[in-house]
C-alpha atoms as a PDB file:
ATOM      1  CA  MET A   1      83.785 192.934 134.906  1.00  0.00           C
ATOM      2  CA  VAL A   2      80.401 191.983 136.249  1.00  0.00           C
ATOM      3  CA  VAL A   3      81.677 191.599 139.814  1.00  0.00           C
ATOM      4  CA  LEU A   4      83.381 195.000 139.639  1.00  0.00           C
ATOM      5  CA  ARG A   5      80.185 196.616 138.416  1.00  0.00           C
ATOM      6  CA  TRP A   6      78.158 194.791 141.089  1.00  0.00           C
ATOM      7  CA  LEU A   7      80.344 196.136 143.799  1.00  0.00           C
ATOM      8  CA  ILE A   8      80.407 199.697 142.385  1.00  0.00           C
ATOM      9  CA  GLN A   9      76.576 199.715 142.208  1.00  0.00           C
ATOM     10  CA  ARG A  10      76.588 198.671 145.902  1.00  0.00           C
ATOM     11  CA  ASP A  11      78.813 201.678 146.630  1.00  0.00           C
ATOM     12  CA  VAL A  12      81.707 199.472 147.567  1.00  0.00           C
ATOM     13  CA  VAL A  13      85.141 201.077 146.688  1.00  0.00           C
ATOM     14  CA  VAL A  14      87.011 198.656 144.410  1.00  0.00           C
ATOM     15  CA  VAL A  15      90.680 198.807 143.522  1.00  0.00           C
ATOM     16  CA  PRO A  16      91.275 196.402 140.678  1.00  0.00           C
ATOM     17  CA  LYS A  17      94.873 195.367 140.095  1.00  0.00           C
ATOM     18  CA  SER A  18      96.435 194.573 136.802  1.00  0.00           C
ATOM     19  CA  PHE A  19      99.674 195.062 135.105  1.00  0.00           C
ATOM     20  CA  ARG A  20      98.362 194.345 131.649  1.00  0.00           C
ATOM     21  CA  ARG A  21      97.237 197.303 129.576  1.00  0.00           C
ATOM     22  CA  GLU A  22      94.299 195.428 127.989  1.00  0.00           C
ATOM     23  CA  ARG A  23      93.056 194.242 131.420  1.00  0.00           C
ATOM     24  CA  MET A  24      93.246 197.841 132.749  1.00  0.00           C
ATOM     25  CA  ALA A  25      91.105 199.021 129.832  1.00  0.00           C
ATOM     26  CA  GLN A  26      88.601 196.253 130.521  1.00  0.00           C
ATOM     27  CA  ASN A  27      88.418 197.342 134.187  1.00  0.00           C
ATOM     28  CA  LEU A  28      87.449 200.759 133.072  1.00  0.00           C
ATOM     29  CA  ASP A  29      84.668 199.410 130.881  1.00  0.00           C
ATOM     30  CA  VAL A  30      82.519 198.750 133.932  1.00  0.00           C
ATOM     31  CA  PHE A  31      81.158 202.219 133.650  1.00  0.00           C
ATOM     32  CA  ASP A  32      79.451 201.753 130.219  1.00  0.00           C
ATOM     33  CA  PHE A  33      76.762 199.354 131.631  1.00  0.00           C
ATOM     34  CA  THR A  34      74.570 198.855 134.671  1.00  0.00           C
ATOM     35  CA  LEU A  35      73.080 195.748 136.253  1.00  0.00           C
ATOM     36  CA  THR A  36      69.408 195.605 136.790  1.00  0.00           C
ATOM     37  CA  GLU A  37      67.870 195.110 140.227  1.00  0.00           C
ATOM     38  CA  ASP A  38      67.055 191.472 139.168  1.00  0.00           C
ATOM     39  CA  GLN A  39      70.556 190.756 138.087  1.00  0.00           C
ATOM     40  CA  ARG A  40      72.083 192.289 141.355  1.00  0.00           C
ATOM     41  CA  GLY A  41      69.612 190.225 143.343  1.00  0.00           C
ATOM     42  CA  ARG A  42      70.629 186.988 141.553  1.00  0.00           C
ATOM     43  CA  ILE A  43      74.273 187.720 142.069  1.00  0.00           C
ATOM     44  CA  ALA A  44      73.696 188.432 145.820  1.00  0.00           C
ATOM     45  CA  MET A  45      71.984 184.983 146.104  1.00  0.00           C
ATOM     46  CA  LEU A  46      75.232 183.240 144.996  1.00  0.00           C
ATOM     47  CA  ASP A  47      76.581 184.083 148.549  1.00  0.00           C
ATOM     48  CA  THR A  48      76.329 180.858 150.511  1.00  0.00           C
ATOM     49  CA  ARG A  49      77.740 182.528 153.628  1.00  0.00           C
ATOM     50  CA  VAL A  50      80.259 179.749 153.805  1.00  0.00           C
ATOM     51  CA  SER A  51      84.042 180.467 153.318  1.00  0.00           C
ATOM     52  CA  LEU A  52      86.142 178.095 151.229  1.00  0.00           C
ATOM     53  CA  PHE A  53      89.054 178.926 153.473  1.00  0.00           C
ATOM     54  CA  PHE A  54      87.812 179.595 157.022  1.00  0.00           C
ATOM     55  CA  ASP A  55      84.826 181.152 158.697  1.00  0.00           C
ATOM     56  CA  HIS A  56      85.637 184.640 159.677  1.00  0.00           C
ATOM     57  CA  ARG A  57      82.385 184.783 161.596  1.00  0.00           C
ATOM     58  CA  ASP A  58      83.365 181.962 163.953  1.00  0.00           C
ATOM     59  CA  PRO A  59      84.505 183.494 167.311  1.00  0.00           C
ATOM     60  CA  ALA A  60      87.088 180.777 167.825  1.00  0.00           C
ATOM     61  CA  MET A  61      88.602 181.415 164.348  1.00  0.00           C
ATOM     62  CA  VAL A  62      88.651 185.205 164.995  1.00  0.00           C
ATOM     63  CA  SER A  63      90.355 184.689 168.298  1.00  0.00           C
ATOM     64  CA  TRP A  64      92.920 182.308 166.747  1.00  0.00           C
ATOM     65  CA  LEU A  65      93.614 184.735 163.957  1.00  0.00           C
ATOM     66  CA  GLY A  66      93.862 187.672 166.361  1.00  0.00           C
ATOM     67  CA  GLY A  67      96.470 185.789 168.302  1.00  0.00           C
ATOM     68  CA  ARG A  68      98.834 185.367 165.267  1.00  0.00           C
ATOM     69  CA  ARG A  69     101.927 187.459 165.367  1.00  0.00           C
ATOM     70  CA  ILE A  70     104.128 188.355 162.370  1.00  0.00           C
ATOM     71  CA  ASP A  71     107.788 188.620 163.310  1.00  0.00           C
END
Protein backbone atom coordinates (compact mmCIF):
# COMPACT_ATOMS: atom_id res chain seq x y z
CA MET A 1 0.00 0.00 0.00
CA VAL A 2 2.81 2.40 0.79
CA VAL A 3 4.31 2.04 -2.69
CA LEU A 4 0.94 2.72 -4.30
CA ARG A 5 0.50 5.82 -2.14
CA TRP A 6 4.05 6.99 -2.90
CA LEU A 7 3.43 6.70 -6.63
CA ILE A 8 0.06 8.46 -6.41
CA GLN A 9 1.59 11.36 -4.47
CA ARG A 10 4.19 11.65 -7.25
CA ASP A 11 1.34 11.95 -9.81
CA VAL A 12 2.16 8.57 -11.33
CA VAL A 13 -0.86 6.73 -12.69
CA VAL A 14 -1.10 3.32 -11.04
CA VAL A 15 -3.20 0.35 -12.08
CA PRO A 16 -2.97 -2.22 -9.30
CA LYS A 17 -3.99 -5.71 -10.33
CA SER A 18 -5.70 -8.20 -8.08
CA PHE A 19 -8.34 -10.87 -8.37
CA ARG A 20 -8.91 -11.14 -4.62
CA ARG A 21 -11.69 -8.95 -3.20
CA GLU A 22 -9.74 -8.29 0.03
CA ARG A 23 -6.70 -7.11 -1.88
CA MET A 24 -8.81 -4.83 -4.07
CA ALA A 25 -10.22 -3.22 -0.94
CA GLN A 26 -6.69 -2.76 0.44
CA ASN A 27 -5.61 -1.09 -2.79
CA LEU A 28 -8.41 1.45 -2.36
CA ASP A 29 -7.29 2.20 1.21
CA VAL A 30 -4.34 4.20 -0.14
CA PHE A 31 -6.57 7.28 -0.21
CA ASP A 32 -7.10 7.45 3.56
CA PHE A 33 -3.51 8.47 4.41
CA THR A 34 -0.66 10.54 3.00
CA LEU A 35 3.09 10.22 3.23
CA THR A 36 5.09 13.10 4.66
CA GLU A 37 7.81 14.80 2.64
CA ASP A 38 10.40 13.05 4.83
CA GLN A 39 8.83 9.63 4.24
CA ARG A 40 8.67 10.21 0.47
CA GLY A 41 12.31 11.29 0.48
CA ARG A 42 13.40 8.22 2.42
CA ILE A 43 11.54 5.96 -0.01
CA ALA A 44 13.14 7.73 -2.98
CA MET A 45 16.60 7.12 -1.47
CA LEU A 46 15.99 3.36 -1.73
CA ASP A 47 16.53 3.64 -5.49
CA THR A 48 20.07 2.41 -6.10
CA ARG A 49 19.71 3.10 -9.85
CA VAL A 50 20.83 -0.50 -10.45
CA SER A 51 18.46 -3.01 -11.99
CA LEU A 52 18.27 -6.55 -10.69
CA PHE A 53 17.49 -7.76 -14.20
CA PHE A 54 19.25 -5.53 -16.73
CA ASP A 55 20.32 -1.92 -17.07
CA HIS A 56 17.73 -0.24 -19.28
CA ARG A 57 19.94 2.89 -19.31
CA ASP A 58 22.82 1.02 -21.00
CA PRO A 59 22.85 1.88 -24.74
CA ALA A 60 24.09 -1.60 -25.66
CA MET A 61 21.25 -3.24 -23.74
CA VAL A 62 18.68 -0.87 -25.24
CA SER A 63 19.98 -1.67 -28.71
CA TRP A 64 19.88 -5.40 -28.02
CA LEU A 65 16.33 -5.21 -26.65
CA GLY A 66 15.22 -3.05 -29.57
CA GLY A 67 16.47 -5.68 -31.97
CA ARG A 68 14.36 -8.51 -30.51
CA ARG A 69 11.40 -9.63 -32.58
CA ILE A 70 8.36 -11.51 -31.42
CA ASP A 71 7.08 -13.91 -34.02
